[in-house]
PDB file of N, CA and C in Angstrom:
ATOM      1  N   MET A   1       0.844  -1.177   0.000  1.00  0.00           N
ATOM      2  CA  MET A   1       0.000   0.000   0.000  1.00  0.00           C
ATOM      3  C   MET A   1       0.889   1.240   0.000  1.00  0.00           C
ATOM      4  N   SER A   2       0.576   2.182  -0.836  1.00  0.00           N
ATOM      5  CA  SER A   2       1.416   3.372  -0.951  1.00  0.00           C
ATOM      6  C   SER A   2       1.052   4.418   0.098  1.00  0.00           C
ATOM      7  N   ARG A   3       1.931   5.351   0.262  1.00  0.00           N
ATOM      8  CA  ARG A   3       1.747   6.413   1.246  1.00  0.00           C
ATOM      9  C   ARG A   3       0.751   7.444   0.731  1.00  0.00           C
ATOM     10  N   SER A   4       0.008   8.054   1.638  1.00  0.00           N
ATOM     11  CA  SER A   4      -1.003   9.049   1.283  1.00  0.00           C
ATOM     12  C   SER A   4      -0.369  10.263   0.596  1.00  0.00           C
ATOM     13  N   LEU A   5      -1.011  10.764  -0.440  1.00  0.00           N
ATOM     14  CA  LEU A   5      -0.502  11.949  -1.136  1.00  0.00           C
ATOM     15  C   LEU A   5      -0.514  13.173  -0.230  1.00  0.00           C
ATOM     16  N   LYS A   6      -1.447  13.195   0.703  1.00  0.00           N
ATOM     17  CA  LYS A   6      -1.542  14.315   1.636  1.00  0.00           C
ATOM     18  C   LYS A   6      -0.280  14.414   2.503  1.00  0.00           C
ATOM     19  N   LYS A   7       0.269  13.270   2.881  1.00  0.00           N
ATOM     20  CA  LYS A   7       1.466  13.255   3.725  1.00  0.00           C
ATOM     21  C   LYS A   7       2.742  13.530   2.935  1.00  0.00           C
ATOM     22  N   GLY A   8       2.797  13.100   1.698  1.00  0.00           N
ATOM     23  CA  GLY A   8       4.006  13.283   0.898  1.00  0.00           C
ATOM     24  C   GLY A   8       4.990  12.151   1.116  1.00  0.00           C
ATOM     25  N   PRO A   9       6.076  12.121   0.344  1.00  0.00           N
ATOM     26  CA  PRO A   9       7.051  11.027   0.459  1.00  0.00           C
ATOM     27  C   PRO A   9       7.871  11.139   1.742  1.00  0.00           C
ATOM     28  N   TYR A  10       8.280   9.979   2.279  1.00  0.00           N
ATOM     29  CA  TYR A  10       9.101   9.956   3.480  1.00  0.00           C
ATOM     30  C   TYR A  10      10.572  10.051   3.103  1.00  0.00           C
ATOM     31  N   VAL A  11      11.246  11.043   3.658  1.00  0.00           N
ATOM     32  CA  VAL A  11      12.696  11.169   3.515  1.00  0.00           C
ATOM     33  C   VAL A  11      13.243  11.495   4.899  1.00  0.00           C
ATOM     34  N   ASP A  12      14.200  10.714   5.355  1.00  0.00           N
ATOM     35  CA  ASP A  12      14.796  10.908   6.670  1.00  0.00           C
ATOM     36  C   ASP A  12      15.441  12.294   6.751  1.00  0.00           C
ATOM     37  N   GLN A  13      15.135  13.040   7.798  1.00  0.00           N
ATOM     38  CA  GLN A  13      15.641  14.406   7.946  1.00  0.00           C
ATOM     39  C   GLN A  13      17.161  14.439   8.098  1.00  0.00           C
ATOM     40  N   ARG A  14      17.736  13.442   8.766  1.00  0.00           N
ATOM     41  CA  ARG A  14      19.196  13.396   8.917  1.00  0.00           C
ATOM     42  C   ARG A  14      19.881  13.215   7.568  1.00  0.00           C
ATOM     43  N   LEU A  15      19.221  12.476   6.689  1.00  0.00           N
ATOM     44  CA  LEU A  15      19.760  12.254   5.349  1.00  0.00           C
ATOM     45  C   LEU A  15      19.738  13.553   4.552  1.00  0.00           C
ATOM     46  N   LEU A  16      18.671  14.313   4.686  1.00  0.00           N
ATOM     47  CA  LEU A  16      18.582  15.604   3.995  1.00  0.00           C
ATOM     48  C   LEU A  16      19.631  16.587   4.516  1.00  0.00           C
ATOM     49  N   LYS A  17      19.906  16.528   5.827  1.00  0.00           N
ATOM     50  CA  LYS A  17      20.931  17.404   6.411  1.00  0.00           C
ATOM     51  C   LYS A  17      22.310  17.086   5.847  1.00  0.00           C
ATOM     52  N   LYS A  18      22.579  15.798   5.641  1.00  0.00           N
ATOM     53  CA  LYS A  18      23.893  15.382   5.146  1.00  0.00           C
ATOM     54  C   LYS A  18      24.150  15.850   3.720  1.00  0.00           C
ATOM     55  N   ILE A  19      23.088  15.961   2.898  1.00  0.00           N
ATOM     56  CA  ILE A  19      23.294  16.365   1.506  1.00  0.00           C
ATOM     57  C   ILE A  19      23.035  17.849   1.275  1.00  0.00           C
ATOM     58  N   ALA A  20      22.515  18.535   2.279  1.00  0.00           N
ATOM     59  CA  ALA A  20      22.186  19.956   2.113  1.00  0.00           C
ATOM     60  C   ALA A  20      23.451  20.784   1.891  1.00  0.00           C
ATOM     61  N   GLY A  21      23.473  21.552   0.816  1.00  0.00           N
ATOM     62  CA  GLY A  21      24.577  22.457   0.525  1.00  0.00           C
ATOM     63  C   GLY A  21      25.837  21.784   0.017  1.00  0.00           C
ATOM     64  N   LYS A  22      25.791  20.497  -0.276  1.00  0.00           N
ATOM     65  CA  LYS A  22      26.972  19.792  -0.777  1.00  0.00           C
ATOM     66  C   LYS A  22      26.818  19.503  -2.256  1.00  0.00           C
ATOM     67  N   LYS A  23      27.953  19.405  -2.923  1.00  0.00           N
ATOM     68  CA  LYS A  23      27.956  19.010  -4.327  1.00  0.00           C
ATOM     69  C   LYS A  23      28.210  17.506  -4.391  1.00  0.00           C
ATOM     70  N   PRO A  24      27.555  16.806  -5.314  1.00  0.00           N
ATOM     71  CA  PRO A  24      27.736  15.348  -5.398  1.00  0.00           C
ATOM     72  C   PRO A  24      29.181  14.911  -5.632  1.00  0.00           C
ATOM     73  N   GLU A  25      29.964  15.719  -6.339  1.00  0.00           N
ATOM     74  CA  GLU A  25      31.348  15.340  -6.631  1.00  0.00           C
ATOM     75  C   GLU A  25      32.204  15.321  -5.370  1.00  0.00           C
ATOM     76  N   ASN A  26      31.909  16.220  -4.418  1.00  0.00           N
ATOM     77  CA  ASN A  26      32.741  16.378  -3.224  1.00  0.00           C
ATOM     78  C   ASN A  26      32.226  15.603  -2.015  1.00  0.00           C
ATOM     79  N   ALA A  27      31.029  15.040  -2.098  1.00  0.00           N
ATOM     80  CA  ALA A  27      30.395  14.453  -0.921  1.00  0.00           C
ATOM     81  C   ALA A  27      30.966  13.091  -0.529  1.00  0.00           C
ATOM     82  N   GLY A  28      31.438  12.310  -1.473  1.00  0.00           N
ATOM     83  CA  GLY A  28      31.897  10.960  -1.154  1.00  0.00           C
ATOM     84  C   GLY A  28      30.701  10.055  -0.897  1.00  0.00           C
ATOM     85  N   VAL A  29      30.920   8.985  -0.138  1.00  0.00           N
ATOM     86  CA  VAL A  29      29.838   8.044   0.168  1.00  0.00           C
ATOM     87  C   VAL A  29      29.161   8.482   1.458  1.00  0.00           C
ATOM     88  N   ILE A  30      27.840   8.620   1.414  1.00  0.00           N
ATOM     89  CA  ILE A  30      27.056   9.017   2.580  1.00  0.00           C
ATOM     90  C   ILE A  30      26.415   7.762   3.157  1.00  0.00           C
ATOM     91  N   LYS A  31      26.844   7.354   4.347  1.00  0.00           N
ATOM     92  CA  LYS A  31      26.321   6.136   4.965  1.00  0.00           C
ATOM     93  C   LYS A  31      24.946   6.395   5.573  1.00  0.00           C
ATOM     94  N   THR A  32      24.039   5.425   5.386  1.00  0.00           N
ATOM     95  CA  THR A  32      22.709   5.552   5.964  1.00  0.00           C
ATOM     96  C   THR A  32      22.129   4.181   6.288  1.00  0.00           C
ATOM     97  N   TRP A  33      21.329   4.152   7.332  1.00  0.00           N
ATOM     98  CA  TRP A  33      20.575   2.965   7.697  1.00  0.00           C
ATOM     99  C   TRP A  33      19.119   3.126   7.278  1.00  0.00           C
ATOM    100  N   SER A  34      18.777   4.276   6.741  1.00  0.00           N
ATOM    101  CA  SER A  34      17.395   4.592   6.389  1.00  0.00           C
ATOM    102  C   SER A  34      17.040   4.027   5.018  1.00  0.00           C
ATOM    103  N   ARG A  35      16.704   2.741   4.995  1.00  0.00           N
ATOM    104  CA  ARG A  35      16.337   2.074   3.744  1.00  0.00           C
ATOM    105  C   ARG A  35      14.958   2.509   3.260  1.00  0.00           C
ATOM    106  N   ALA A  36      14.128   3.023   4.169  1.00  0.00           N
ATOM    107  CA  ALA A  36      12.755   3.391   3.827  1.00  0.00           C
ATOM    108  C   ALA A  36      12.651   4.776   3.199  1.00  0.00           C
ATOM    109  N   SER A  37      13.735   5.520   3.170  1.00  0.00           N
ATOM    110  CA  SER A  37      13.694   6.875   2.609  1.00  0.00           C
ATOM    111  C   SER A  37      13.462   6.838   1.107  1.00  0.00           C
ATOM    112  N   THR A  38      12.564   7.715   0.654  1.00  0.00           N
ATOM    113  CA  THR A  38      12.285   7.835  -0.770  1.00  0.00           C
ATOM    114  C   THR A  38      13.364   8.699  -1.410  1.00  0.00           C
ATOM    115  N   ILE A  39      13.796   8.326  -2.600  1.00  0.00           N
ATOM    116  CA  ILE A  39      14.820   9.091  -3.312  1.00  0.00           C
ATOM    117  C   ILE A  39      14.162  10.316  -3.931  1.00  0.00           C
ATOM    118  N   SER A  40      14.671  11.485  -3.566  1.00  0.00           N
ATOM    119  CA  SER A  40      14.127  12.745  -4.079  1.00  0.00           C
ATOM    120  C   SER A  40      15.062  13.306  -5.157  1.00  0.00           C
ATOM    121  N   PRO A  41      14.592  14.271  -5.944  1.00  0.00           N
ATOM    122  CA  PRO A  41      15.432  14.840  -7.008  1.00  0.00           C
ATOM    123  C   PRO A  41      16.720  15.494  -6.501  1.00  0.00           C
ATOM    124  N   GLU A  42      16.741  15.956  -5.247  1.00  0.00           N
ATOM    125  CA  GLU A  42      17.953  16.576  -4.697  1.00  0.00           C
ATOM    126  C   GLU A  42      19.072  15.558  -4.504  1.00  0.00           C
ATOM    127  N   MET A  43      18.733  14.277  -4.457  1.00  0.00           N
ATOM    128  CA  MET A  43      19.719  13.226  -4.188  1.00  0.00           C
ATOM    129  C   MET A  43      20.430  12.729  -5.444  1.00  0.00           C
ATOM    130  N   VAL A  44      19.987  13.159  -6.613  1.00  0.00           N
ATOM    131  CA  VAL A  44      20.569  12.673  -7.870  1.00  0.00           C
ATOM    132  C   VAL A  44      22.041  13.071  -7.946  1.00  0.00           C
ATOM    133  N   GLY A  45      22.889  12.101  -8.244  1.00  0.00           N
ATOM    134  CA  GLY A  45      24.327  12.338  -8.360  1.00  0.00           C
ATOM    135  C   GLY A  45      25.108  11.912  -7.129  1.00  0.00           C
ATOM    136  N   PHE A  46      24.455  11.802  -5.981  1.00  0.00           N
ATOM    137  CA  PHE A  46      25.132  11.402  -4.750  1.00  0.00           C
ATOM    138  C   PHE A  46      25.295   9.886  -4.705  1.00  0.00           C
ATOM    139  N   THR A  47      26.271   9.436  -3.920  1.00  0.00           N
ATOM    140  CA  THR A  47      26.471   8.010  -3.691  1.00  0.00           C
ATOM    141  C   THR A  47      26.179   7.730  -2.228  1.00  0.00           C
ATOM    142  N   PHE A  48      25.264   6.800  -1.990  1.00  0.00           N
ATOM    143  CA  PHE A  48      24.863   6.450  -0.635  1.00  0.00           C
ATOM    144  C   PHE A  48      25.358   5.055  -0.300  1.00  0.00           C
ATOM    145  N   GLY A  49      25.799   4.885   0.942  1.00  0.00           N
ATOM    146  CA  GLY A  49      26.128   3.562   1.453  1.00  0.00           C
ATOM    147  C   GLY A  49      24.919   3.082   2.230  1.00  0.00           C
ATOM    148  N   VAL A  50      24.104   2.224   1.622  1.00  0.00           N
ATOM    149  CA  VAL A  50      22.854   1.774   2.229  1.00  0.00           C
ATOM    150  C   VAL A  50      23.111   0.458   2.956  1.00  0.00           C
ATOM    151  N   HIS A  51      22.738   0.416   4.236  1.00  0.00           N
ATOM    152  CA  HIS A  51      22.994  -0.758   5.062  1.00  0.00           C
ATOM    153  C   HIS A  51      22.023  -1.877   4.695  1.00  0.00           C
ATOM    154  N   ASN A  52      22.555  -3.089   4.500  1.00  0.00           N
ATOM    155  CA  ASN A  52      21.689  -4.211   4.146  1.00  0.00           C
ATOM    156  C   ASN A  52      21.525  -5.196   5.306  1.00  0.00           C
ATOM    157  N   GLY A  53      21.952  -4.803   6.492  1.00  0.00           N
ATOM    158  CA  GLY A  53      21.880  -5.676   7.653  1.00  0.00           C
ATOM    159  C   GLY A  53      23.242  -6.205   8.053  1.00  0.00           C
ATOM    160  N   LYS A  54      24.176  -6.167   7.119  1.00  0.00           N
ATOM    161  CA  LYS A  54      25.531  -6.654   7.382  1.00  0.00           C
ATOM    162  C   LYS A  54      26.578  -5.654   6.922  1.00  0.00           C
ATOM    163  N   ASP A  55      26.463  -5.177   5.693  1.00  0.00           N
ATOM    164  CA  ASP A  55      27.434  -4.263   5.103  1.00  0.00           C
ATOM    165  C   ASP A  55      26.725  -3.041   4.530  1.00  0.00           C
ATOM    166  N   PHE A  56      27.522  -2.063   4.120  1.00  0.00           N
ATOM    167  CA  PHE A  56      26.986  -0.906   3.412  1.00  0.00           C
ATOM    168  C   PHE A  56      27.207  -1.126   1.917  1.00  0.00           C
ATOM    169  N   ILE A  57      26.129  -1.116   1.157  1.00  0.00           N
ATOM    170  CA  ILE A  57      26.186  -1.320  -0.287  1.00  0.00           C
ATOM    171  C   ILE A  57      26.155   0.051  -0.953  1.00  0.00           C
ATOM    172  N   SER A  58      27.109   0.328  -1.838  1.00  0.00           N
ATOM    173  CA  SER A  58      27.161   1.617  -2.529  1.00  0.00           C
ATOM    174  C   SER A  58      26.055   1.698  -3.576  1.00  0.00           C
ATOM    175  N   VAL A  59      25.280   2.781  -3.500  1.00  0.00           N
ATOM    176  CA  VAL A  59      24.198   3.028  -4.450  1.00  0.00           C
ATOM    177  C   VAL A  59      24.409   4.416  -5.028  1.00  0.00           C
ATOM    178  N   SER A  60      24.721   4.496  -6.320  1.00  0.00           N
ATOM    179  CA  SER A  60      24.857   5.782  -7.000  1.00  0.00           C
ATOM    180  C   SER A  60      23.495   6.156  -7.568  1.00  0.00           C
ATOM    181  N   VAL A  61      22.952   7.273  -7.140  1.00  0.00           N
ATOM    182  CA  VAL A  61      21.590   7.667  -7.518  1.00  0.00           C
ATOM    183  C   VAL A  61      21.596   8.340  -8.885  1.00  0.00           C
ATOM    184  N   ILE A  62      20.712   7.866  -9.766  1.00  0.00           N
ATOM    185  CA  ILE A  62      20.517   8.478 -11.081  1.00  0.00           C
ATOM    186  C   ILE A  62      19.061   8.925 -11.186  1.00  0.00           C
ATOM    187  N   GLU A  63      18.731   9.647 -12.240  1.00  0.00           N
ATOM    188  CA  GLU A  63      17.398  10.231 -12.385  1.00  0.00           C
ATOM    189  C   GLU A  63      16.287   9.191 -12.413  1.00  0.00           C
ATOM    190  N   ASP A  64      16.560   8.018 -12.956  1.00  0.00           N
ATOM    191  CA  ASP A  64      15.529   6.980 -13.052  1.00  0.00           C
ATOM    192  C   ASP A  64      15.124   6.422 -11.688  1.00  0.00           C
ATOM    193  N   MET A  65      15.935   6.647 -10.659  1.00  0.00           N
ATOM    194  CA  MET A  65      15.658   6.103  -9.332  1.00  0.00           C
ATOM    195  C   MET A  65      14.736   6.994  -8.506  1.00  0.00           C
ATOM    196  N   VAL A  66      14.466   8.208  -8.943  1.00  0.00           N
ATOM    197  CA  VAL A  66      13.642   9.144  -8.170  1.00  0.00           C
ATOM    198  C   VAL A  66      12.257   8.543  -7.969  1.00  0.00           C
ATOM    199  N   GLY A  67      11.792   8.569  -6.709  1.00  0.00           N
ATOM    200  CA  GLY A  67      10.487   8.017  -6.369  1.00  0.00           C
ATOM    201  C   GLY A  67      10.568   6.624  -5.770  1.00  0.00           C
ATOM    202  N   HIS A  68      11.696   5.950  -5.946  1.00  0.00           N
ATOM    203  CA  HIS A  68      11.883   4.628  -5.356  1.00  0.00           C
ATOM    204  C   HIS A  68      12.503   4.778  -3.970  1.00  0.00           C
ATOM    205  N   ARG A  69      12.577   3.677  -3.219  1.00  0.00           N
ATOM    206  CA  ARG A  69      13.187   3.689  -1.891  1.00  0.00           C
ATOM    207  C   ARG A  69      14.658   3.289  -1.990  1.00  0.00           C
ATOM    208  N   LEU A  70      15.466   3.772  -1.059  1.00  0.00           N
ATOM    209  CA  LEU A  70      16.893   3.422  -1.051  1.00  0.00           C
ATOM    210  C   LEU A  70      17.099   1.924  -0.855  1.00  0.00           C
ATOM    211  N   GLY A  71      16.266   1.311  -0.047  1.00  0.00           N
ATOM    212  CA  GLY A  71      16.402  -0.112   0.247  1.00  0.00           C
ATOM    213  C   GLY A  71      16.181  -1.022  -0.944  1.00  0.00           C
ATOM    214  N   GLU A  72      15.513  -0.521  -1.977  1.00  0.00           N
ATOM    215  CA  GLU A  72      15.262  -1.347  -3.163  1.00  0.00           C
ATOM    216  C   GLU A  72      16.553  -1.694  -3.895  1.00  0.00           C
ATOM    217  N   PHE A  73      17.576  -0.887  -3.716  1.00  0.00           N
ATOM    218  CA  PHE A  73      18.820  -1.057  -4.459  1.00  0.00           C
ATOM    219  C   PHE A  73      19.927  -1.685  -3.615  1.00  0.00           C
ATOM    220  N   SER A  74      19.605  -2.078  -2.391  1.00  0.00           N
ATOM    221  CA  SER A  74      20.557  -2.735  -1.504  1.00  0.00           C
ATOM    222  C   SER A  74      19.922  -4.036  -1.023  1.00  0.00           C
ATOM    223  N   LEU A  75      20.220  -5.126  -1.718  1.00  0.00           N
ATOM    224  CA  LEU A  75      19.576  -6.400  -1.421  1.00  0.00           C
ATOM    225  C   LEU A  75      20.031  -6.947  -0.074  1.00  0.00           C
ATOM    226  N   THR A  76      19.087  -7.549   0.662  1.00  0.00           N
ATOM    227  CA  THR A  76      19.390  -8.084   1.987  1.00  0.00           C
ATOM    228  C   THR A  76      19.657  -9.577   1.957  1.00  0.00           C
ATOM    229  N   ARG A  77      19.287 -10.225   0.865  1.00  0.00           N
ATOM    230  CA  ARG A  77      19.491 -11.670   0.749  1.00  0.00           C
ATOM    231  C   ARG A  77      20.395 -11.979  -0.433  1.00  0.00           C
ATOM    232  N   LYS A  78      21.245 -12.960  -0.251  1.00  0.00           N
ATOM    233  CA  LYS A  78      22.161 -13.366  -1.311  1.00  0.00           C
ATOM    234  C   LYS A  78      21.578 -14.604  -1.988  1.00  0.00           C
ATOM    235  N   PHE A  79      21.401 -14.537  -3.308  1.00  0.00           N
ATOM    236  CA  PHE A  79      20.857 -15.683  -4.027  1.00  0.00           C
ATOM    237  C   PHE A  79      21.952 -16.714  -4.234  1.00  0.00           C
ATOM    238  N   ILE A  80      21.708 -17.910  -3.737  1.00  0.00           N
ATOM    239  CA  ILE A  80      22.602 -19.033  -3.965  1.00  0.00           C
ATOM    240  C   ILE A  80      21.857 -19.964  -4.901  1.00  0.00           C
ATOM    241  N   ARG A  81      22.467 -20.252  -6.036  1.00  0.00           N
ATOM    242  CA  ARG A  81      21.761 -21.015  -7.065  1.00  0.00           C
ATOM    243  C   ARG A  81      21.290 -22.361  -6.530  1.00  0.00           C
ATOM    244  N   HIS A  82      20.251 -22.847  -7.142  1.00  0.00           N
ATOM    245  CA  HIS A  82      19.682 -24.125  -6.756  1.00  0.00           C
ATOM    246  C   HIS A  82      20.627 -25.249  -7.154  1.00  0.00           C
ATOM    247  N   GLY A  83      20.653 -26.274  -6.331  1.00  0.00           N
ATOM    248  CA  GLY A  83      21.568 -27.376  -6.561  1.00  0.00           C
ATOM    249  C   GLY A  83      21.102 -28.306  -7.660  1.00  0.00           C
ATOM    250  N   GLY A  84      21.836 -29.369  -7.839  1.00  0.00           N
ATOM    251  CA  GLY A  84      21.476 -30.359  -8.842  1.00  0.00           C
ATOM    252  C   GLY A  84      22.698 -30.811  -9.601  1.00  0.00           C
ATOM    253  N   LYS A  85      22.532 -31.899 -10.328  1.00  0.00           N
ATOM    254  CA  LYS A  85      23.641 -32.485 -11.070  1.00  0.00           C
ATOM    255  C   LYS A  85      24.143 -31.538 -12.156  1.00  0.00           C
ATOM    256  N   ARG A  86      23.234 -30.931 -12.891  1.00  0.00           N
ATOM    257  CA  ARG A  86      23.588 -30.029 -13.995  1.00  0.00           C
ATOM    258  C   ARG A  86      24.344 -28.803 -13.458  1.00  0.00           C
ATOM    259  N   GLN A  87      23.883 -28.252 -12.366  1.00  0.00           N
ATOM    260  CA  GLN A  87      24.503 -27.062 -11.777  1.00  0.00           C
ATOM    261  C   GLN A  87      25.919 -27.382 -11.313  1.00  0.00           C
ATOM    262  N   LYS A  88      26.110 -28.584 -10.794  1.00  0.00           N
ATOM    263  CA  LYS A  88      27.428 -28.990 -10.316  1.00  0.00           C
ATOM    264  C   LYS A  88      28.417 -29.077 -11.481  1.00  0.00           C
ATOM    265  N   GLU A  89      27.959 -29.600 -12.622  1.00  0.00           N
ATOM    266  CA  GLU A  89      28.811 -29.694 -13.808  1.00  0.00           C
ATOM    267  C   GLU A  89      29.225 -28.316 -14.300  1.00  0.00           C
ATOM    268  N   VAL A  90      28.282 -27.396 -14.310  1.00  0.00           N
ATOM    269  CA  VAL A  90      28.573 -26.032 -14.764  1.00  0.00           C
ATOM    270  C   VAL A  90      29.596 -25.383 -13.838  1.00  0.00           C
ATOM    271  N   GLY A  91      29.449 -25.608 -12.529  1.00  0.00           N
ATOM    272  CA  GLY A  91      30.378 -25.039 -11.555  1.00  0.00           C
ATOM    273  C   GLY A  91      31.791 -25.567 -11.712  1.00  0.00           C
ATOM    274  N   THR A  92      31.929 -26.870 -11.963  1.00  0.00           N
ATOM    275  CA  THR A  92      33.267 -27.441 -12.123  1.00  0.00           C
ATOM    276  C   THR A  92      33.923 -26.963 -13.413  1.00  0.00           C
ATOM    277  N   LYS A  93      33.149 -26.814 -14.488  1.00  0.00           N
ATOM    278  CA  LYS A  93      33.698 -26.299 -15.749  1.00  0.00           C
ATOM    279  C   LYS A  93      34.205 -24.874 -15.574  1.00  0.00           C
ATOM    280  N   LYS A  94      33.453 -24.092 -14.813  1.00  0.00           N
ATOM    281  CA  LYS A  94      33.840 -22.700 -14.574  1.00  0.00           C
ATOM    282  C   LYS A  94      35.157 -22.636 -13.799  1.00  0.00           C
ATOM    283  N   LYS A  95      35.287 -23.486 -12.773  1.00  0.00           N
ATOM    284  CA  LYS A  95      36.513 -23.510 -11.973  1.00  0.00           C
ATOM    285  C   LYS A  95      37.713 -23.934 -12.810  1.00  0.00           C
ATOM    286  N   GLN A  96      37.515 -24.933 -13.666  1.00  0.00           N
ATOM    287  CA  GLN A  96      38.600 -25.400 -14.524  1.00  0.00           C
ATOM    288  C   GLN A  96      39.039 -24.312 -15.494  1.00  0.00           C
ATOM    289  N   ALA A  97      38.079 -23.560 -16.013  1.00  0.00           N
ATOM    290  CA  ALA A  97      38.403 -22.470 -16.935  1.00  0.00           C
ATOM    291  C   ALA A  97      39.197 -21.378 -16.224  1.00  0.00           C
ATOM    292  N   GLN A  98      38.846 -21.096 -14.967  1.00  0.00           N
ATOM    293  CA  GLN A  98      39.564 -20.078 -14.200  1.00  0.00           C
ATOM    294  C   GLN A  98      40.994 -20.526 -13.921  1.00  0.00           C
ATOM    295  N   VAL A  99      41.172 -21.798 -13.589  1.00  0.00           N
ATOM    296  CA  VAL A  99      42.507 -22.325 -13.304  1.00  0.00           C
ATOM    297  C   VAL A  99      43.366 -22.278 -14.562  1.00  0.00           C
ATOM    298  N   ALA A 100      42.779 -22.620 -15.703  1.00  0.00           N
ATOM    299  CA  ALA A 100      43.521 -22.613 -16.962  1.00  0.00           C
ATOM    300  C   ALA A 100      43.897 -21.196 -17.386  1.00  0.00           C
ATOM    301  N   ALA A 101      43.054 -20.225 -17.070  1.00  0.00           N
ATOM    302  CA  ALA A 101      43.299 -18.845 -17.474  1.00  0.00           C
ATOM    303  C   ALA A 101      44.227 -18.103 -16.516  1.00  0.00           C
ATOM    304  N   ALA A 102      44.444 -18.646 -15.331  1.00  0.00           N
ATOM    305  CA  ALA A 102      45.278 -17.975 -14.337  1.00  0.00           C
ATOM    306  C   ALA A 102      46.734 -17.962 -14.798  1.00  0.00           C
ATOM    307  N   PRO A 103      47.412 -16.822 -14.638  1.00  0.00           N
ATOM    308  CA  PRO A 103      48.822 -16.756 -15.042  1.00  0.00           C
ATOM    309  C   PRO A 103      49.691 -17.584 -14.096  1.00  0.00           C
ATOM    310  N   VAL A 104      50.669 -18.250 -14.675  1.00  0.00           N
ATOM    311  CA  VAL A 104      51.576 -19.088 -13.895  1.00  0.00           C
ATOM    312  C   VAL A 104      52.773 -18.238 -13.488  1.00  0.00           C
ATOM    313  N   THR A 105      53.066 -18.218 -12.189  1.00  0.00           N
ATOM    314  CA  THR A 105      54.213 -17.459 -11.695  1.00  0.00           C
ATOM    315  C   THR A 105      55.327 -18.441 -11.349  1.00  0.00           C
ATOM    316  N   PRO A 106      56.563 -18.118 -11.685  1.00  0.00           N
ATOM    317  CA  PRO A 106      57.673 -19.032 -11.374  1.00  0.00           C
ATOM    318  C   PRO A 106      57.892 -19.099  -9.865  1.00  0.00           C
ATOM    319  N   ALA A 107      58.327 -20.262  -9.415  1.00  0.00           N
ATOM    320  CA  ALA A 107      58.587 -20.463  -7.997  1.00  0.00           C
ATOM    321  C   ALA A 107      59.840 -19.691  -7.593  1.00  0.00           C
ATOM    322  N   ALA A 108      59.849 -19.169  -6.385  1.00  0.00           N
ATOM    323  CA  ALA A 108      60.998 -18.412  -5.888  1.00  0.00           C
ATOM    324  C   ALA A 108      62.127 -19.375  -5.529  1.00  0.00           C
ATOM    325  N   LYS A 109      63.357 -18.999  -5.857  1.00  0.00           N
ATOM    326  CA  LYS A 109      64.519 -19.838  -5.538  1.00  0.00           C
ATOM    327  C   LYS A 109      64.931 -19.608  -4.096  1.00  0.00           C
ATOM    328  N   LYS A 110      65.395 -20.686  -3.472  1.00  0.00           N
ATOM    329  CA  LYS A 110      65.819 -20.585  -2.070  1.00  0.00           C
ATOM    330  C   LYS A 110      67.302 -20.480  -1.968  1.00  0.00           C
TER     331      LYS A 110
END
């Protein structure tokens, strides 16, 4: 259910204070735990470190993100592919390809 138009979008006041009067180029990463904050047009160009419960995920805001929530771009769950015989074969082929592509370094002499 969406928020009432009468109330307007929710944006954390501390987040607005952090970006007030700053230029996106000079701001660096702005850390926030406020995943529920709606992205406003003033935030375009800034990079936010959005907490996902464990780490801060860097989210660079672009114009297409306006109106969405910050938490939408910082996933809280890691997808681990489903198991099975076919998946196991694909995984082993990938590992073999990585080993073959890795550069060989000569052993150090003692």
